[in-house]
Amino acid sequence: MPYNDLREFINRLKKTGDLIEINEEVDWNLEAGAIMRRAYEKWQPAQLFNKIKGYKKGFRLLGGPLATFRRLAIGMGMDPETSYTDMLNEFDKRSVNPGNLCCDRDDRPIFIRPVSADLACG
């Protein structure tokens, strides 16, 4: 695992310029979500809300930490400029049971799940 806790990941996002801290008080009900959505639409950095209305000091909210391929690569402990294909290959390598597709009766892939004695596809 590339990070021991969320704080390490947040610090990495700060170092790479992929995080903005918002120190103004925001309401968790709709306001924070609206800010997160707008930031996502504009491809803005992840948002760390430091003051949440109705919560004690120290309670924070992190929005969009993995909302871009760049931040996903950072989350995986990879270079932020890693290509999409290289990220997929790395994800496949790290997967417990890569490439295991379960199919419906028409042999169309419907989802990925781990195979066990109880769940094995026909």
N, C-alpha and C. Protein backbone atom coordinates (compact mmCIF):
# COMPACT_ATOMS: atom_id res chain seq x y z
N MET A 1 0.84 -1.18 0.00
CA MET A 1 0.00 0.00 0.00
C MET A 1 0.88 1.24 0.00
N PRO A 2 0.63 2.17 -0.90
CA PRO A 2 1.50 3.33 -1.02
C PRO A 2 1.41 4.32 0.14
N TYR A 3 0.30 4.32 0.89
CA TYR A 3 0.12 5.27 1.98
C TYR A 3 -0.33 4.51 3.23
N ASN A 4 0.14 4.98 4.39
CA ASN A 4 -0.27 4.36 5.64
C ASN A 4 -1.64 4.84 6.10
N ASP A 5 -2.00 6.07 5.71
CA ASP A 5 -3.30 6.60 6.10
C ASP A 5 -3.69 7.73 5.14
N LEU A 6 -4.89 8.23 5.34
CA LEU A 6 -5.43 9.27 4.46
C LEU A 6 -4.62 10.56 4.56
N ARG A 7 -4.06 10.84 5.74
CA ARG A 7 -3.26 12.06 5.89
C ARG A 7 -2.06 12.06 4.95
N GLU A 8 -1.40 10.92 4.81
CA GLU A 8 -0.26 10.83 3.89
C GLU A 8 -0.69 11.11 2.46
N PHE A 9 -1.83 10.55 2.07
CA PHE A 9 -2.34 10.78 0.72
C PHE A 9 -2.69 12.25 0.51
N ILE A 10 -3.32 12.87 1.50
CA ILE A 10 -3.65 14.30 1.41
C ILE A 10 -2.38 15.12 1.27
N ASN A 11 -1.36 14.80 2.04
CA ASN A 11 -0.09 15.53 1.94
C ASN A 11 0.54 15.37 0.56
N ARG A 12 0.43 14.19 -0.02
CA ARG A 12 0.97 13.96 -1.37
C ARG A 12 0.20 14.81 -2.39
N LEU A 13 -1.13 14.87 -2.24
CA LEU A 13 -1.92 15.71 -3.14
C LEU A 13 -1.52 17.19 -3.02
N LYS A 14 -1.24 17.62 -1.80
CA LYS A 14 -0.78 19.01 -1.59
C LYS A 14 0.53 19.25 -2.32
N LYS A 15 1.47 18.32 -2.16
CA LYS A 15 2.80 18.48 -2.77
C LYS A 15 2.74 18.54 -4.29
N THR A 16 1.80 17.80 -4.88
CA THR A 16 1.71 17.78 -6.34
C THR A 16 0.79 18.86 -6.89
N GLY A 17 0.20 19.66 -6.01
CA GLY A 17 -0.70 20.73 -6.45
C GLY A 17 -2.08 20.23 -6.84
N ASP A 18 -2.45 19.06 -6.35
CA ASP A 18 -3.74 18.46 -6.70
C ASP A 18 -4.76 18.58 -5.58
N LEU A 19 -4.57 19.53 -4.68
CA LEU A 19 -5.49 19.73 -3.57
C LEU A 19 -5.59 21.21 -3.26
N ILE A 20 -6.81 21.65 -3.01
CA ILE A 20 -7.04 23.01 -2.55
C ILE A 20 -7.73 22.92 -1.20
N GLU A 21 -7.26 23.71 -0.24
CA GLU A 21 -7.89 23.74 1.08
C GLU A 21 -8.87 24.91 1.13
N ILE A 22 -10.06 24.62 1.63
CA ILE A 22 -11.10 25.64 1.76
C ILE A 22 -11.32 25.86 3.25
N ASN A 23 -10.95 27.06 3.72
CA ASN A 23 -11.01 27.36 5.14
C ASN A 23 -12.27 28.12 5.55
N GLU A 24 -13.09 28.51 4.59
CA GLU A 24 -14.38 29.14 4.90
C GLU A 24 -15.35 28.06 5.34
N GLU A 25 -16.22 28.38 6.27
CA GLU A 25 -17.22 27.41 6.72
C GLU A 25 -18.19 27.08 5.59
N VAL A 26 -18.44 25.79 5.38
CA VAL A 26 -19.40 25.35 4.37
C VAL A 26 -20.43 24.44 5.03
N ASP A 27 -21.62 24.48 4.49
CA ASP A 27 -22.69 23.61 4.97
C ASP A 27 -22.55 22.26 4.28
N TRP A 28 -22.54 21.20 5.07
CA TRP A 28 -22.39 19.85 4.50
C TRP A 28 -23.59 19.48 3.66
N ASN A 29 -24.75 20.08 3.94
CA ASN A 29 -25.98 19.74 3.23
C ASN A 29 -26.09 20.58 1.95
N LEU A 30 -25.74 20.01 0.86
CA LEU A 30 -25.83 20.56 -0.49
C LEU A 30 -24.68 21.49 -0.88
N GLU A 31 -24.27 22.40 0.02
CA GLU A 31 -23.24 23.36 -0.36
C GLU A 31 -21.91 22.69 -0.70
N ALA A 32 -21.43 21.83 0.19
CA ALA A 32 -20.15 21.16 -0.06
C ALA A 32 -20.24 20.30 -1.32
N GLY A 33 -21.34 19.59 -1.48
CA GLY A 33 -21.53 18.76 -2.67
C GLY A 33 -21.56 19.57 -3.95
N ALA A 34 -22.19 20.74 -3.90
CA ALA A 34 -22.25 21.61 -5.08
C ALA A 34 -20.86 22.12 -5.46
N ILE A 35 -20.07 22.45 -4.46
CA ILE A 35 -18.70 22.90 -4.71
C ILE A 35 -17.89 21.76 -5.32
N MET A 36 -18.04 20.56 -4.77
CA MET A 36 -17.31 19.39 -5.30
C MET A 36 -17.70 19.13 -6.75
N ARG A 37 -18.98 19.16 -7.03
CA ARG A 37 -19.44 18.89 -8.40
C ARG A 37 -18.89 19.92 -9.38
N ARG A 38 -18.95 21.18 -9.00
CA ARG A 38 -18.44 22.25 -9.88
C ARG A 38 -16.94 22.09 -10.10
N ALA A 39 -16.21 21.77 -9.04
CA ALA A 39 -14.77 21.57 -9.17
C ALA A 39 -14.48 20.40 -10.10
N TYR A 40 -15.26 19.34 -10.00
CA TYR A 40 -15.08 18.18 -10.88
C TYR A 40 -15.36 18.56 -12.33
N GLU A 41 -16.43 19.30 -12.57
CA GLU A 41 -16.78 19.72 -13.93
C GLU A 41 -15.69 20.57 -14.56
N LYS A 42 -14.99 21.35 -13.75
CA LYS A 42 -13.93 22.26 -14.23
C LYS A 42 -12.54 21.64 -14.13
N TRP A 43 -12.44 20.35 -13.79
CA TRP A 43 -11.16 19.65 -13.65
C TRP A 43 -10.24 20.36 -12.66
N GLN A 44 -10.83 20.80 -11.56
CA GLN A 44 -10.08 21.50 -10.51
C GLN A 44 -9.51 20.49 -9.52
N PRO A 45 -8.58 20.93 -8.68
CA PRO A 45 -7.99 20.02 -7.68
C PRO A 45 -9.03 19.48 -6.70
N ALA A 46 -8.66 18.43 -5.99
CA ALA A 46 -9.49 17.90 -4.91
C ALA A 46 -9.68 19.00 -3.88
N GLN A 47 -10.76 18.92 -3.13
CA GLN A 47 -11.08 19.97 -2.16
C GLN A 47 -11.04 19.41 -0.75
N LEU A 48 -10.36 20.11 0.13
CA LEU A 48 -10.33 19.75 1.55
C LEU A 48 -11.02 20.87 2.32
N PHE A 49 -12.23 20.57 2.80
CA PHE A 49 -13.02 21.54 3.55
C PHE A 49 -12.63 21.42 5.02
N ASN A 50 -12.09 22.50 5.59
CA ASN A 50 -11.58 22.47 6.95
C ASN A 50 -12.59 22.90 8.01
N LYS A 51 -13.68 23.57 7.60
CA LYS A 51 -14.71 24.00 8.55
C LYS A 51 -16.06 23.56 8.02
N ILE A 52 -16.68 22.63 8.71
CA ILE A 52 -17.98 22.10 8.30
C ILE A 52 -19.03 22.59 9.29
N LYS A 53 -20.05 23.25 8.77
CA LYS A 53 -21.11 23.82 9.61
C LYS A 53 -21.74 22.72 10.48
N GLY A 54 -21.82 23.01 11.79
CA GLY A 54 -22.45 22.07 12.71
C GLY A 54 -21.51 21.00 13.27
N TYR A 55 -20.23 21.04 12.88
CA TYR A 55 -19.27 20.05 13.36
C TYR A 55 -18.14 20.73 14.12
N LYS A 56 -17.58 20.03 15.09
CA LYS A 56 -16.48 20.55 15.88
C LYS A 56 -15.24 20.75 15.03
N LYS A 57 -14.36 21.63 15.49
CA LYS A 57 -13.08 21.85 14.82
C LYS A 57 -12.34 20.52 14.72
N GLY A 58 -11.75 20.27 13.58
CA GLY A 58 -11.01 19.03 13.36
C GLY A 58 -11.74 18.07 12.44
N PHE A 59 -13.06 18.21 12.34
CA PHE A 59 -13.82 17.39 11.39
C PHE A 59 -13.69 18.05 10.02
N ARG A 60 -13.21 17.28 9.07
CA ARG A 60 -12.99 17.83 7.73
C ARG A 60 -13.67 16.95 6.69
N LEU A 61 -13.75 17.46 5.48
CA LEU A 61 -14.40 16.74 4.38
C LEU A 61 -13.50 16.83 3.16
N LEU A 62 -13.23 15.69 2.53
CA LEU A 62 -12.38 15.64 1.34
C LEU A 62 -13.24 15.30 0.13
N GLY A 63 -13.18 16.16 -0.87
CA GLY A 63 -13.98 15.94 -2.07
C GLY A 63 -13.11 15.66 -3.29
N GLY A 64 -13.51 14.67 -4.07
CA GLY A 64 -12.85 14.37 -5.33
C GLY A 64 -11.42 13.88 -5.24
N PRO A 65 -11.05 13.07 -4.23
CA PRO A 65 -9.65 12.67 -4.13
C PRO A 65 -9.17 11.80 -5.28
N LEU A 66 -10.06 11.06 -5.92
CA LEU A 66 -9.67 10.17 -7.03
C LEU A 66 -10.46 10.50 -8.30
N ALA A 67 -10.87 11.76 -8.45
CA ALA A 67 -11.77 12.14 -9.54
C ALA A 67 -11.10 12.30 -10.90
N THR A 68 -9.79 12.25 -10.95
CA THR A 68 -9.08 12.33 -12.23
C THR A 68 -8.08 11.18 -12.31
N PHE A 69 -7.66 10.85 -13.52
CA PHE A 69 -6.66 9.80 -13.67
C PHE A 69 -5.36 10.20 -13.00
N ARG A 70 -5.03 11.47 -13.02
CA ARG A 70 -3.82 11.96 -12.36
C ARG A 70 -3.88 11.64 -10.86
N ARG A 71 -4.99 11.99 -10.22
CA ARG A 71 -5.12 11.74 -8.78
C ARG A 71 -5.25 10.25 -8.48
N LEU A 72 -5.84 9.50 -9.38
CA LEU A 72 -5.90 8.05 -9.22
C LEU A 72 -4.49 7.46 -9.23
N ALA A 73 -3.66 7.94 -10.15
CA ALA A 73 -2.26 7.48 -10.19
C ALA A 73 -1.54 7.82 -8.89
N ILE A 74 -1.75 9.03 -8.39
CA ILE A 74 -1.15 9.43 -7.11
C ILE A 74 -1.64 8.51 -6.01
N GLY A 75 -2.93 8.20 -6.01
CA GLY A 75 -3.50 7.31 -5.01
C GLY A 75 -2.92 5.91 -5.06
N MET A 76 -2.51 5.50 -6.25
CA MET A 76 -1.91 4.18 -6.42
C MET A 76 -0.41 4.21 -6.15
N GLY A 77 0.12 5.39 -5.80
CA GLY A 77 1.55 5.50 -5.52
C GLY A 77 2.39 5.58 -6.79
N MET A 78 1.76 5.94 -7.90
CA MET A 78 2.46 6.02 -9.18
C MET A 78 2.75 7.48 -9.53
N ASP A 79 3.54 7.68 -10.56
CA ASP A 79 3.83 9.02 -11.04
C ASP A 79 2.52 9.66 -11.52
N PRO A 80 2.27 10.94 -11.18
CA PRO A 80 1.03 11.60 -11.62
C PRO A 80 0.83 11.62 -13.12
N GLU A 81 1.90 11.53 -13.88
CA GLU A 81 1.79 11.58 -15.35
C GLU A 81 1.68 10.19 -15.98
N THR A 82 1.46 9.16 -15.18
CA THR A 82 1.33 7.81 -15.69
C THR A 82 0.18 7.73 -16.69
N SER A 83 0.38 7.01 -17.78
CA SER A 83 -0.66 6.89 -18.80
C SER A 83 -1.81 6.04 -18.29
N TYR A 84 -2.97 6.23 -18.89
CA TYR A 84 -4.17 5.48 -18.54
C TYR A 84 -3.92 3.98 -18.70
N THR A 85 -3.29 3.60 -19.81
CA THR A 85 -3.02 2.18 -20.08
C THR A 85 -2.10 1.59 -19.02
N ASP A 86 -1.06 2.32 -18.64
CA ASP A 86 -0.15 1.82 -17.61
C ASP A 86 -0.86 1.68 -16.26
N MET A 87 -1.78 2.61 -15.96
CA MET A 87 -2.55 2.49 -14.72
C MET A 87 -3.44 1.25 -14.73
N LEU A 88 -4.09 1.01 -15.87
CA LEU A 88 -4.94 -0.18 -15.96
C LEU A 88 -4.12 -1.46 -15.81
N ASN A 89 -2.96 -1.49 -16.45
CA ASN A 89 -2.09 -2.67 -16.32
C ASN A 89 -1.64 -2.87 -14.88
N GLU A 90 -1.30 -1.79 -14.21
CA GLU A 90 -0.88 -1.88 -12.80
C GLU A 90 -2.04 -2.32 -11.92
N PHE A 91 -3.22 -1.78 -12.18
CA PHE A 91 -4.41 -2.18 -11.42
C PHE A 91 -4.66 -3.68 -11.59
N ASP A 92 -4.52 -4.15 -12.82
CA ASP A 92 -4.73 -5.57 -13.10
C ASP A 92 -3.72 -6.43 -12.34
N LYS A 93 -2.46 -5.98 -12.30
CA LYS A 93 -1.42 -6.71 -11.56
C LYS A 93 -1.74 -6.79 -10.07
N ARG A 94 -2.30 -5.71 -9.54
CA ARG A 94 -2.57 -5.64 -8.10
C ARG A 94 -3.87 -6.32 -7.70
N SER A 95 -4.70 -6.61 -8.67
CA SER A 95 -6.00 -7.21 -8.38
C SER A 95 -5.80 -8.62 -7.83
N VAL A 96 -6.64 -8.99 -6.90
CA VAL A 96 -6.56 -10.30 -6.28
C VAL A 96 -6.80 -11.40 -7.30
N ASN A 97 -7.77 -11.20 -8.16
CA ASN A 97 -8.15 -12.22 -9.13
C ASN A 97 -8.37 -11.55 -10.49
N PRO A 98 -7.31 -11.06 -11.15
CA PRO A 98 -7.48 -10.28 -12.38
C PRO A 98 -8.08 -11.08 -13.53
N GLY A 99 -8.87 -10.38 -14.32
CA GLY A 99 -9.40 -10.96 -15.54
C GLY A 99 -10.50 -11.98 -15.34
N ASN A 100 -11.09 -12.06 -14.18
CA ASN A 100 -12.12 -13.05 -13.93
C ASN A 100 -13.50 -12.44 -14.18
N LEU A 101 -14.08 -12.74 -15.31
CA LEU A 101 -15.40 -12.23 -15.64
C LEU A 101 -16.44 -13.32 -15.44
N CYS A 102 -17.53 -12.97 -14.83
CA CYS A 102 -18.66 -13.89 -14.72
C CYS A 102 -19.68 -13.48 -15.77
N CYS A 103 -20.31 -14.43 -16.36
CA CYS A 103 -21.17 -14.14 -17.50
C CYS A 103 -22.59 -14.60 -17.23
N ASP A 104 -23.53 -13.95 -17.93
CA ASP A 104 -24.91 -14.40 -17.83
C ASP A 104 -25.14 -15.51 -18.84
N ARG A 105 -26.34 -15.94 -19.02
CA ARG A 105 -26.62 -17.10 -19.88
C ARG A 105 -26.28 -16.86 -21.34
N ASP A 106 -26.22 -15.62 -21.78
CA ASP A 106 -25.85 -15.32 -23.15
C ASP A 106 -24.35 -15.12 -23.31
N ASP A 107 -23.59 -15.47 -22.27
CA ASP A 107 -22.13 -15.32 -22.26
C ASP A 107 -21.67 -13.88 -22.43
N ARG A 108 -22.47 -12.94 -21.96
CA ARG A 108 -22.06 -11.53 -21.97
C ARG A 108 -21.49 -11.20 -20.59
N PRO A 109 -20.32 -10.56 -20.55
CA PRO A 109 -19.78 -10.17 -19.24
C PRO A 109 -20.74 -9.20 -18.55
N ILE A 110 -21.02 -9.45 -17.28
CA ILE A 110 -21.89 -8.54 -16.56
C ILE A 110 -21.20 -7.85 -15.39
N PHE A 111 -20.26 -8.49 -14.72
CA PHE A 111 -19.49 -7.85 -13.68
C PHE A 111 -18.33 -8.73 -13.28
N ILE A 112 -17.41 -8.13 -12.53
CA ILE A 112 -16.24 -8.87 -12.04
C ILE A 112 -16.47 -9.16 -10.57
N ARG A 113 -16.19 -10.39 -10.16
CA ARG A 113 -16.27 -10.76 -8.76
C ARG A 113 -15.26 -11.87 -8.48
N PRO A 114 -14.84 -11.99 -7.22
CA PRO A 114 -13.88 -13.06 -6.91
C PRO A 114 -14.53 -14.43 -7.06
N VAL A 115 -13.75 -15.38 -7.48
CA VAL A 115 -14.25 -16.74 -7.64
C VAL A 115 -13.99 -17.51 -6.35
N SER A 116 -15.04 -18.17 -5.85
CA SER A 116 -14.90 -19.07 -4.72
C SER A 116 -15.70 -20.32 -5.05
N ALA A 117 -15.64 -21.31 -4.20
CA ALA A 117 -16.38 -22.54 -4.46
C ALA A 117 -17.87 -22.27 -4.58
N ASP A 118 -18.37 -21.26 -3.86
CA ASP A 118 -19.80 -20.97 -3.86
C ASP A 118 -20.22 -20.08 -5.04
N LEU A 119 -19.29 -19.30 -5.61
CA LEU A 119 -19.64 -18.30 -6.60
C LEU A 119 -19.08 -18.58 -7.99
N ALA A 120 -18.45 -19.71 -8.21
CA ALA A 120 -17.80 -19.99 -9.48
C ALA A 120 -18.81 -19.99 -10.63
N CYS A 121 -18.40 -19.35 -11.74
CA CYS A 121 -19.26 -19.31 -12.92
C CYS A 121 -19.17 -20.64 -13.67
N GLY A 122 -20.31 -21.07 -14.18
CA GLY A 122 -20.52 -22.32 -14.83
C GLY A 122 -19.55 -22.82 -15.76
